[in-house]
């Protein structure tokens, strides 16, 4: 019974199972992968990394499967065994490790390239962001590089009512844009946090069935029903502002580049290239 309760509250396993129905901005778009791959390739070339040790934070299939430099030794680390089992390819996968990003099982200065997608958001408090940066700085080699796509809330916060109004007016391109805007609108401004289950409750309070929203918007019911993974979740998300994310990452890193994608809500999904503080 306890295992059933834990599985019910862990939305990550369900999130992995429905990954094919998840789209940008929650899932990295081709533009994001091109940016991440380009930054990694440039770093490997510039630093002369012939056989780099690379680490993917999480098991995002698009990152694991992107065009890594020849000779790369790739490892992926995620805290959810269900995510690892569901999203890593069977025979061509890198090593998949179940572990904590705040206490990485790697030696100091042992990783050359680290890539992650939305990592700050799935850490449950702003204080974890600085711990995360410090831990990555510990394992990254002196010439290493960190590439992170962020989810950042806007400087001028929206209200849930504004997001719902845009939904009703047909001004939102897909359900995942709606879901992320709603989540950011629900964030506590002081902490930057929001309960994942609260996002689901705000959605249910609209009183609309997935089929009704699908008919109004043209979105697929399967895409809309991805929010059901949030229903019993006990996790919290954090959405820092861009200046807050930069401040947290500056604990261990200097920013070398920041790329903003052109897709809807892309201004809230920048990809950063960072190096160890000089």
C-alpha atoms as a PDB file:
ATOM      1  CA  UNK A   1       0.000   0.000   0.000  1.00  0.00           C
ATOM      2  CA  UNK A   2       2.816   2.441   0.839  1.00  0.00           C
ATOM      3  CA  UNK A   3       4.410   1.862  -2.589  1.00  0.00           C
ATOM      4  CA  UNK A   4       1.062   2.603  -4.235  1.00  0.00           C
ATOM      5  CA  UNK A   5       0.733   5.860  -2.307  1.00  0.00           C
ATOM      6  CA  UNK A   6       4.273   6.945  -3.197  1.00  0.00           C
ATOM      7  CA  UNK A   7       3.686   6.149  -6.871  1.00  0.00           C
ATOM      8  CA  UNK A   8       0.443   8.095  -6.788  1.00  0.00           C
ATOM      9  CA  UNK A   9       2.218  11.191  -5.446  1.00  0.00           C
ATOM     10  CA  UNK A  10       5.306  10.953  -7.677  1.00  0.00           C
ATOM     11  CA  UNK A  11       4.279  12.728 -10.859  1.00  0.00           C
ATOM     12  CA  UNK A  12       7.619  12.094 -12.562  1.00  0.00           C
ATOM     13  CA  UNK A  13       6.910   8.484 -13.527  1.00  0.00           C
ATOM     14  CA  UNK A  14       3.627   9.495 -15.144  1.00  0.00           C
ATOM     15  CA  UNK A  15       5.308  12.474 -16.779  1.00  0.00           C
ATOM     16  CA  UNK A  16       7.825  10.099 -18.380  1.00  0.00           C
ATOM     17  CA  UNK A  17       5.104   7.739 -19.593  1.00  0.00           C
ATOM     18  CA  UNK A  18       3.293  10.578 -21.394  1.00  0.00           C
ATOM     19  CA  UNK A  19       6.415  12.283 -22.788  1.00  0.00           C
ATOM     20  CA  UNK A  20       5.219  11.801 -26.387  1.00  0.00           C
ATOM     21  CA  UNK A  21       2.273  14.110 -25.609  1.00  0.00           C
ATOM     22  CA  UNK A  22       4.465  16.830 -24.071  1.00  0.00           C
ATOM     23  CA  UNK A  23       5.531  19.717 -26.299  1.00  0.00           C
ATOM     24  CA  UNK A  24       7.493  22.973 -26.153  1.00  0.00           C
ATOM     25  CA  UNK A  25       8.200  24.863 -24.032  1.00  0.00           C
ATOM     26  CA  UNK A  26       8.177  22.068 -21.415  1.00  0.00           C
ATOM     27  CA  UNK A  27       9.928  19.776 -23.870  1.00  0.00           C
ATOM     28  CA  UNK A  28      12.947  21.277 -25.648  1.00  0.00           C
ATOM     29  CA  UNK A  29      12.230  22.217 -29.253  1.00  0.00           C
ATOM     30  CA  UNK A  30      14.539  21.573 -32.177  1.00  0.00           C
ATOM     31  CA  UNK A  31      15.771  25.138 -31.799  1.00  0.00           C
ATOM     32  CA  UNK A  32      16.802  24.468 -28.191  1.00  0.00           C
ATOM     33  CA  UNK A  33      18.662  21.296 -29.125  1.00  0.00           C
ATOM     34  CA  UNK A  34      20.442  23.063 -31.973  1.00  0.00           C
ATOM     35  CA  UNK A  35      21.567  25.785 -29.561  1.00  0.00           C
ATOM     36  CA  UNK A  36      22.687  23.314 -26.882  1.00  0.00           C
ATOM     37  CA  UNK A  37      24.484  21.113 -29.411  1.00  0.00           C
ATOM     38  CA  UNK A  38      26.176  24.111 -31.014  1.00  0.00           C
ATOM     39  CA  UNK A  39      27.388  25.471 -27.680  1.00  0.00           C
ATOM     40  CA  UNK A  40      28.712  22.053 -26.661  1.00  0.00           C
ATOM     41  CA  UNK A  41      30.518  21.565 -29.993  1.00  0.00           C
ATOM     42  CA  UNK A  42      32.063  25.032 -29.841  1.00  0.00           C
ATOM     43  CA  UNK A  43      33.240  24.450 -26.277  1.00  0.00           C
ATOM     44  CA  UNK A  44      34.743  21.048 -27.115  1.00  0.00           C
ATOM     45  CA  UNK A  45      36.595  22.468 -30.120  1.00  0.00           C
ATOM     46  CA  UNK A  46      37.814  25.606 -28.390  1.00  0.00           C
ATOM     47  CA  UNK A  47      39.048  23.725 -25.351  1.00  0.00           C
ATOM     48  CA  UNK A  48      40.575  20.825 -27.275  1.00  0.00           C
ATOM     49  CA  UNK A  49      38.426  18.202 -25.565  1.00  0.00           C
ATOM     50  CA  UNK A  50      39.138  15.071 -27.641  1.00  0.00           C
ATOM     51  CA  UNK A  51      37.164  12.568 -25.529  1.00  0.00           C
ATOM     52  CA  UNK A  52      35.132  14.683 -23.106  1.00  0.00           C
ATOM     53  CA  UNK A  53      33.351  13.316 -20.082  1.00  0.00           C
ATOM     54  CA  UNK A  54      29.811  14.683 -20.420  1.00  0.00           C
ATOM     55  CA  UNK A  55      26.895  14.689 -18.009  1.00  0.00           C
ATOM     56  CA  UNK A  56      23.208  15.204 -18.785  1.00  0.00           C
ATOM     57  CA  UNK A  57      21.178  16.364 -15.800  1.00  0.00           C
ATOM     58  CA  UNK A  58      17.987  14.323 -16.133  1.00  0.00           C
ATOM     59  CA  UNK A  59      17.180  11.958 -18.969  1.00  0.00           C
ATOM     60  CA  UNK A  60      15.618  14.365 -21.469  1.00  0.00           C
ATOM     61  CA  UNK A  61      15.715  12.221 -24.647  1.00  0.00           C
ATOM     62  CA  UNK A  62      16.422  15.184 -26.904  1.00  0.00           C
ATOM     63  CA  UNK A  63      19.560  16.077 -24.941  1.00  0.00           C
ATOM     64  CA  UNK A  64      20.760  12.500 -24.565  1.00  0.00           C
ATOM     65  CA  UNK A  65      20.295  11.888 -28.276  1.00  0.00           C
ATOM     66  CA  UNK A  66      21.701  15.146 -29.637  1.00  0.00           C
ATOM     67  CA  UNK A  67      24.852  15.296 -31.771  1.00  0.00           C
ATOM     68  CA  UNK A  68      27.592  15.046 -29.148  1.00  0.00           C
ATOM     69  CA  UNK A  69      31.277  15.512 -30.102  1.00  0.00           C
ATOM     70  CA  UNK A  70      32.961  12.345 -31.338  1.00  0.00           C
ATOM     71  CA  UNK A  71      34.445  10.312 -28.508  1.00  0.00           C
ATOM     72  CA  UNK A  72      32.146  11.759 -25.827  1.00  0.00           C
ATOM     73  CA  UNK A  73      31.668   9.545 -22.771  1.00  0.00           C
ATOM     74  CA  UNK A  74      28.114  10.333 -21.738  1.00  0.00           C
ATOM     75  CA  UNK A  75      26.332   9.796 -18.416  1.00  0.00           C
ATOM     76  CA  UNK A  76      22.798  10.839 -17.472  1.00  0.00           C
ATOM     77  CA  UNK A  77      21.662  11.292 -13.879  1.00  0.00           C
ATOM     78  CA  UNK A  78      18.095  11.529 -12.613  1.00  0.00           C
ATOM     79  CA  UNK A  79      16.528  11.055  -9.183  1.00  0.00           C
ATOM     80  CA  UNK A  80      13.530   9.085 -10.519  1.00  0.00           C
ATOM     81  CA  UNK A  81      14.147   5.456 -11.570  1.00  0.00           C
ATOM     82  CA  UNK A  82      10.895   5.530 -13.557  1.00  0.00           C
ATOM     83  CA  UNK A  83      12.189   8.414 -15.676  1.00  0.00           C
ATOM     84  CA  UNK A  84      15.446   6.567 -16.385  1.00  0.00           C
ATOM     85  CA  UNK A  85      13.655   3.370 -17.371  1.00  0.00           C
ATOM     86  CA  UNK A  86      11.070   5.104 -19.542  1.00  0.00           C
ATOM     87  CA  UNK A  87      13.170   7.669 -21.386  1.00  0.00           C
ATOM     88  CA  UNK A  88      16.638   6.223 -21.958  1.00  0.00           C
ATOM     89  CA  UNK A  89      16.919   4.152 -25.154  1.00  0.00           C
ATOM     90  CA  UNK A  90      17.520   0.462 -24.536  1.00  0.00           C
ATOM     91  CA  UNK A  91      20.744  -0.390 -26.332  1.00  0.00           C
ATOM     92  CA  UNK A  92      22.233   2.937 -27.367  1.00  0.00           C
ATOM     93  CA  UNK A  93      21.767   4.691 -24.031  1.00  0.00           C
ATOM     94  CA  UNK A  94      24.548   6.272 -22.008  1.00  0.00           C
ATOM     95  CA  UNK A  95      25.045   5.150 -18.448  1.00  0.00           C
ATOM     96  CA  UNK A  96      21.930   6.047 -16.470  1.00  0.00           C
ATOM     97  CA  UNK A  97      22.476   6.815 -12.790  1.00  0.00           C
ATOM     98  CA  UNK A  98      19.846   7.414 -10.134  1.00  0.00           C
ATOM     99  CA  UNK A  99      21.146  10.225  -7.970  1.00  0.00           C
ATOM    100  CA  UNK A 100      20.807  13.670  -6.461  1.00  0.00           C
ATOM    101  CA  UNK A 101      21.971  16.744  -8.396  1.00  0.00           C
ATOM    102  CA  UNK A 102      22.786  18.418  -5.084  1.00  0.00           C
ATOM    103  CA  UNK A 103      25.164  15.598  -4.126  1.00  0.00           C
ATOM    104  CA  UNK A 104      26.627  14.274  -7.353  1.00  0.00           C
ATOM    105  CA  UNK A 105      28.456  10.908  -7.230  1.00  0.00           C
ATOM    106  CA  UNK A 106      31.476  12.218  -9.150  1.00  0.00           C
ATOM    107  CA  UNK A 107      34.971  13.267  -8.171  1.00  0.00           C
ATOM    108  CA  UNK A 108      36.080  16.888  -8.156  1.00  0.00           C
ATOM    109  CA  UNK A 109      37.073  18.295 -11.567  1.00  0.00           C
ATOM    110  CA  UNK A 110      35.978  15.084 -13.350  1.00  0.00           C
ATOM    111  CA  UNK A 111      33.316  16.293 -15.823  1.00  0.00           C
ATOM    112  CA  UNK A 112      34.080  18.364 -18.926  1.00  0.00           C
ATOM    113  CA  UNK A 113      30.585  19.160 -20.220  1.00  0.00           C
ATOM    114  CA  UNK A 114      27.308  19.407 -18.289  1.00  0.00           C
ATOM    115  CA  UNK A 115      23.969  19.960 -20.032  1.00  0.00           C
ATOM    116  CA  UNK A 116      20.542  20.288 -18.416  1.00  0.00           C
ATOM    117  CA  UNK A 117      16.996  21.323 -19.265  1.00  0.00           C
ATOM    118  CA  UNK A 118      14.797  23.198 -16.796  1.00  0.00           C
ATOM    119  CA  UNK A 119      16.928  22.039 -13.882  1.00  0.00           C
ATOM    120  CA  UNK A 120      16.397  25.042 -11.613  1.00  0.00           C
ATOM    121  CA  UNK A 121      12.621  24.698 -11.870  1.00  0.00           C
ATOM    122  CA  UNK A 122      12.512  21.128 -10.570  1.00  0.00           C
ATOM    123  CA  UNK A 123      14.608  22.041  -7.539  1.00  0.00           C
ATOM    124  CA  UNK A 124      12.144  22.793  -4.788  1.00  0.00           C
ATOM    125  CA  UNK A 125      13.543  26.013  -3.300  1.00  0.00           C
ATOM    126  CA  UNK A 126      15.642  28.986  -4.307  1.00  0.00           C
ATOM    127  CA  UNK A 127      18.278  28.000  -1.746  1.00  0.00           C
ATOM    128  CA  UNK A 128      18.753  24.755  -3.688  1.00  0.00           C
ATOM    129  CA  UNK A 129      19.728  26.780  -6.773  1.00  0.00           C
ATOM    130  CA  UNK A 130      22.932  27.975  -5.126  1.00  0.00           C
ATOM    131  CA  UNK A 131      23.700  24.514  -3.774  1.00  0.00           C
ATOM    132  CA  UNK A 132      23.166  23.170  -7.285  1.00  0.00           C
ATOM    133  CA  UNK A 133      25.578  25.710  -8.775  1.00  0.00           C
ATOM    134  CA  UNK A 134      28.193  24.973  -6.125  1.00  0.00           C
ATOM    135  CA  UNK A 135      27.954  21.219  -6.676  1.00  0.00           C
ATOM    136  CA  UNK A 136      28.278  21.563 -10.448  1.00  0.00           C
ATOM    137  CA  UNK A 137      31.272  23.847  -9.964  1.00  0.00           C
ATOM    138  CA  UNK A 138      32.853  21.148  -7.797  1.00  0.00           C
ATOM    139  CA  UNK A 139      32.618  18.362 -10.406  1.00  0.00           C
ATOM    140  CA  UNK A 140      33.325  20.450 -13.520  1.00  0.00           C
ATOM    141  CA  UNK A 141      36.890  20.414 -14.820  1.00  0.00           C
ATOM    142  CA  UNK A 142      38.712  23.769 -14.903  1.00  0.00           C
ATOM    143  CA  UNK A 143      38.207  24.064 -18.681  1.00  0.00           C
ATOM    144  CA  UNK A 144      34.689  22.631 -18.585  1.00  0.00           C
ATOM    145  CA  UNK A 145      31.427  24.195 -19.674  1.00  0.00           C
ATOM    146  CA  UNK A 146      27.848  24.159 -18.406  1.00  0.00           C
ATOM    147  CA  UNK A 147      24.851  24.531 -20.755  1.00  0.00           C
ATOM    148  CA  UNK A 148      21.455  25.063 -19.106  1.00  0.00           C
ATOM    149  CA  UNK A 149      18.024  25.894 -20.477  1.00  0.00           C
ATOM    150  CA  UNK A 150      16.066  27.832 -17.873  1.00  0.00           C
ATOM    151  CA  UNK A 151      12.400  28.434 -17.172  1.00  0.00           C
ATOM    152  CA  UNK A 152      12.145  31.965 -15.793  1.00  0.00           C
ATOM    153  CA  UNK A 153       9.097  33.935 -14.777  1.00  0.00           C
ATOM    154  CA  UNK A 154       8.633  37.460 -16.161  1.00  0.00           C
ATOM    155  CA  UNK A 155       9.634  40.566 -14.233  1.00  0.00           C
ATOM    156  CA  UNK A 156       6.015  41.751 -14.374  1.00  0.00           C
ATOM    157  CA  UNK A 157       3.936  38.873 -13.067  1.00  0.00           C
ATOM    158  CA  UNK A 158       0.767  37.764 -14.812  1.00  0.00           C
ATOM    159  CA  UNK A 159      -2.332  36.840 -12.862  1.00  0.00           C
ATOM    160  CA  UNK A 160      -4.098  33.501 -13.359  1.00  0.00           C
ATOM    161  CA  UNK A 161      -7.102  35.501 -14.599  1.00  0.00           C
ATOM    162  CA  UNK A 162      -5.006  37.049 -17.377  1.00  0.00           C
ATOM    163  CA  UNK A 163      -3.784  33.634 -18.475  1.00  0.00           C
ATOM    164  CA  UNK A 164      -7.321  32.216 -18.488  1.00  0.00           C
ATOM    165  CA  UNK A 165      -8.563  35.236 -20.446  1.00  0.00           C
ATOM    166  CA  UNK A 166      -5.907  34.618 -23.108  1.00  0.00           C
ATOM    167  CA  UNK A 167      -6.960  30.972 -23.246  1.00  0.00           C
ATOM    168  CA  UNK A 168     -10.572  31.955 -23.852  1.00  0.00           C
ATOM    169  CA  UNK A 169      -9.559  34.481 -26.505  1.00  0.00           C
ATOM    170  CA  UNK A 170      -7.481  31.951 -28.449  1.00  0.00           C
ATOM    171  CA  UNK A 171      -4.208  33.766 -27.786  1.00  0.00           C
ATOM    172  CA  UNK A 172      -2.253  30.718 -26.552  1.00  0.00           C
ATOM    173  CA  UNK A 173      -0.674  28.382 -29.086  1.00  0.00           C
ATOM    174  CA  UNK A 174      -0.581  25.096 -27.183  1.00  0.00           C
ATOM    175  CA  UNK A 175      -1.586  23.583 -23.870  1.00  0.00           C
ATOM    176  CA  UNK A 176       1.970  23.460 -22.554  1.00  0.00           C
ATOM    177  CA  UNK A 177       2.373  27.205 -23.030  1.00  0.00           C
ATOM    178  CA  UNK A 178      -0.890  27.630 -21.115  1.00  0.00           C
ATOM    179  CA  UNK A 179       0.239  25.228 -18.375  1.00  0.00           C
ATOM    180  CA  UNK A 180       3.579  26.993 -17.886  1.00  0.00           C
ATOM    181  CA  UNK A 181       2.044  30.474 -17.916  1.00  0.00           C
ATOM    182  CA  UNK A 182      -0.541  29.329 -15.368  1.00  0.00           C
ATOM    183  CA  UNK A 183       2.178  27.803 -13.190  1.00  0.00           C
ATOM    184  CA  UNK A 184       4.240  31.003 -13.250  1.00  0.00           C
ATOM    185  CA  UNK A 185       1.165  33.112 -12.494  1.00  0.00           C
ATOM    186  CA  UNK A 186       0.577  31.024  -9.351  1.00  0.00           C
ATOM    187  CA  UNK A 187       4.128  31.424  -8.031  1.00  0.00           C
ATOM    188  CA  UNK A 188       4.606  32.934  -4.606  1.00  0.00           C
ATOM    189  CA  UNK A 189       6.503  36.125  -5.405  1.00  0.00           C
ATOM    190  CA  UNK A 190       8.694  35.977  -2.312  1.00  0.00           C
ATOM    191  CA  UNK A 191       9.857  32.367  -2.598  1.00  0.00           C
ATOM    192  CA  UNK A 192       9.473  31.799  -6.338  1.00  0.00           C
ATOM    193  CA  UNK A 193       7.784  28.483  -5.526  1.00  0.00           C
ATOM    194  CA  UNK A 194       4.506  26.856  -6.518  1.00  0.00           C
ATOM    195  CA  UNK A 195       3.021  23.530  -5.515  1.00  0.00           C
ATOM    196  CA  UNK A 196       2.635  21.238  -8.530  1.00  0.00           C
ATOM    197  CA  UNK A 197      -0.761  20.115  -7.214  1.00  0.00           C
ATOM    198  CA  UNK A 198      -1.852  23.771  -7.026  1.00  0.00           C
ATOM    199  CA  UNK A 199      -1.367  24.067 -10.784  1.00  0.00           C
ATOM    200  CA  UNK A 200      -3.767  21.150 -11.253  1.00  0.00           C
ATOM    201  CA  UNK A 201      -6.309  22.656  -8.847  1.00  0.00           C
ATOM    202  CA  UNK A 202      -6.257  25.990 -10.700  1.00  0.00           C
ATOM    203  CA  UNK A 203      -6.900  24.105 -13.932  1.00  0.00           C
ATOM    204  CA  UNK A 204      -9.783  22.116 -12.443  1.00  0.00           C
ATOM    205  CA  UNK A 205     -11.309  25.304 -11.032  1.00  0.00           C
ATOM    206  CA  UNK A 206     -11.935  26.397 -14.627  1.00  0.00           C
ATOM    207  CA  UNK A 207     -14.592  23.684 -14.800  1.00  0.00           C
ATOM    208  CA  UNK A 208     -13.698  22.680 -18.355  1.00  0.00           C
ATOM    209  CA  UNK A 209     -13.383  19.106 -19.568  1.00  0.00           C
ATOM    210  CA  UNK A 210     -10.396  18.255 -21.780  1.00  0.00           C
ATOM    211  CA  UNK A 211     -12.766  17.437 -24.664  1.00  0.00           C
ATOM    212  CA  UNK A 212     -14.360  20.883 -24.359  1.00  0.00           C
ATOM    213  CA  UNK A 213     -11.003  22.674 -24.411  1.00  0.00           C
ATOM    214  CA  UNK A 214      -9.861  20.466 -27.291  1.00  0.00           C
ATOM    215  CA  UNK A 215     -12.931  21.441 -29.306  1.00  0.00           C
ATOM    216  CA  UNK A 216     -12.370  25.141 -28.601  1.00  0.00           C
ATOM    217  CA  UNK A 217      -8.645  25.200 -29.315  1.00  0.00           C
ATOM    218  CA  UNK A 218      -7.856  22.326 -31.651  1.00  0.00           C
ATOM    219  CA  UNK A 219      -5.405  20.878 -29.112  1.00  0.00           C
ATOM    220  CA  UNK A 220      -5.414  17.118 -28.643  1.00  0.00           C
ATOM    221  CA  UNK A 221      -7.162  15.691 -25.549  1.00  0.00           C
ATOM    222  CA  UNK A 222      -4.009  13.666 -24.822  1.00  0.00           C
ATOM    223  CA  UNK A 223      -1.950  16.873 -24.677  1.00  0.00           C
ATOM    224  CA  UNK A 224      -4.464  18.476 -22.326  1.00  0.00           C
ATOM    225  CA  UNK A 225      -4.676  15.435 -20.082  1.00  0.00           C
ATOM    226  CA  UNK A 226      -0.933  15.594 -19.342  1.00  0.00           C
ATOM    227  CA  UNK A 227      -1.850  17.933 -16.490  1.00  0.00           C
ATOM    228  CA  UNK A 228      -3.443  14.993 -14.672  1.00  0.00           C
ATOM    229  CA  UNK A 229       0.095  13.960 -13.690  1.00  0.00           C
ATOM    230  CA  UNK A 230       0.058  16.981 -11.355  1.00  0.00           C
ATOM    231  CA  UNK A 231      -3.106  15.971  -9.518  1.00  0.00           C
ATOM    232  CA  UNK A 232      -1.633  14.237  -6.451  1.00  0.00           C
ATOM    233  CA  UNK A 233       1.929  15.501  -6.772  1.00  0.00           C
ATOM    234  CA  UNK A 234       3.753  16.474  -3.584  1.00  0.00           C
ATOM    235  CA  UNK A 235       6.593  18.267  -5.405  1.00  0.00           C
ATOM    236  CA  UNK A 236       7.106  21.993  -5.735  1.00  0.00           C
ATOM    237  CA  UNK A 237       8.471  23.909  -8.732  1.00  0.00           C
ATOM    238  CA  UNK A 238      10.558  27.067  -8.610  1.00  0.00           C
ATOM    239  CA  UNK A 239      10.488  29.736 -11.299  1.00  0.00           C
ATOM    240  CA  UNK A 240      13.150  32.366 -10.650  1.00  0.00           C
ATOM    241  CA  UNK A 241      13.308  35.617 -12.556  1.00  0.00           C
ATOM    242  CA  UNK A 242      16.245  35.752 -14.960  1.00  0.00           C
ATOM    243  CA  UNK A 243      18.209  38.061 -12.668  1.00  0.00           C
ATOM    244  CA  UNK A 244      17.638  35.656  -9.767  1.00  0.00           C
ATOM    245  CA  UNK A 245      18.788  32.677 -11.833  1.00  0.00           C
ATOM    246  CA  UNK A 246      21.915  34.575 -12.861  1.00  0.00           C
ATOM    247  CA  UNK A 247      22.622  35.478  -9.259  1.00  0.00           C
ATOM    248  CA  UNK A 248      22.275  31.863  -8.099  1.00  0.00           C
ATOM    249  CA  UNK A 249      24.475  30.497 -10.879  1.00  0.00           C
ATOM    250  CA  UNK A 250      27.103  33.153 -10.216  1.00  0.00           C
ATOM    251  CA  UNK A 251      27.893  31.188  -7.038  1.00  0.00           C
ATOM    252  CA  UNK A 252      30.219  29.114  -9.174  1.00  0.00           C
ATOM    253  CA  UNK A 253      30.045  30.365 -12.744  1.00  0.00           C
ATOM    254  CA  UNK A 254      30.596  33.194 -15.186  1.00  0.00           C
ATOM    255  CA  UNK A 255      28.038  33.594 -17.966  1.00  0.00           C
ATOM    256  CA  UNK A 256      29.535  33.391 -21.457  1.00  0.00           C
ATOM    257  CA  UNK A 257      26.384  33.459 -23.601  1.00  0.00           C
ATOM    258  CA  UNK A 258      22.591  33.519 -23.371  1.00  0.00           C
ATOM    259  CA  UNK A 259      20.370  32.440 -26.288  1.00  0.00           C
ATOM    260  CA  UNK A 260      16.626  33.076 -26.429  1.00  0.00           C
ATOM    261  CA  UNK A 261      14.490  30.902 -28.751  1.00  0.00           C
ATOM    262  CA  UNK A 262      11.911  32.331 -31.152  1.00  0.00           C
ATOM    263  CA  UNK A 263       8.977  30.046 -30.245  1.00  0.00           C
ATOM    264  CA  UNK A 264       6.019  31.133 -28.126  1.00  0.00           C
ATOM    265  CA  UNK A 265       7.129  31.827 -24.542  1.00  0.00           C
ATOM    266  CA  UNK A 266      10.740  31.532 -25.690  1.00  0.00           C
ATOM    267  CA  UNK A 267      11.633  34.707 -23.815  1.00  0.00           C
ATOM    268  CA  UNK A 268      11.073  32.695 -20.642  1.00  0.00           C
ATOM    269  CA  UNK A 269      13.205  29.746 -21.822  1.00  0.00           C
ATOM    270  CA  UNK A 270      16.763  31.033 -22.407  1.00  0.00           C
ATOM    271  CA  UNK A 271      19.747  28.695 -22.786  1.00  0.00           C
ATOM    272  CA  UNK A 272      22.922  29.800 -21.026  1.00  0.00           C
ATOM    273  CA  UNK A 273      26.552  28.833 -21.537  1.00  0.00           C
ATOM    274  CA  UNK A 274      28.630  29.101 -18.370  1.00  0.00           C
ATOM    275  CA  UNK A 275      32.234  28.541 -17.317  1.00  0.00           C
ATOM    276  CA  UNK A 276      33.804  28.212 -13.892  1.00  0.00           C
ATOM    277  CA  UNK A 277      34.459  31.531 -12.252  1.00  0.00           C
ATOM    278  CA  UNK A 278      37.826  32.895 -13.255  1.00  0.00           C
END
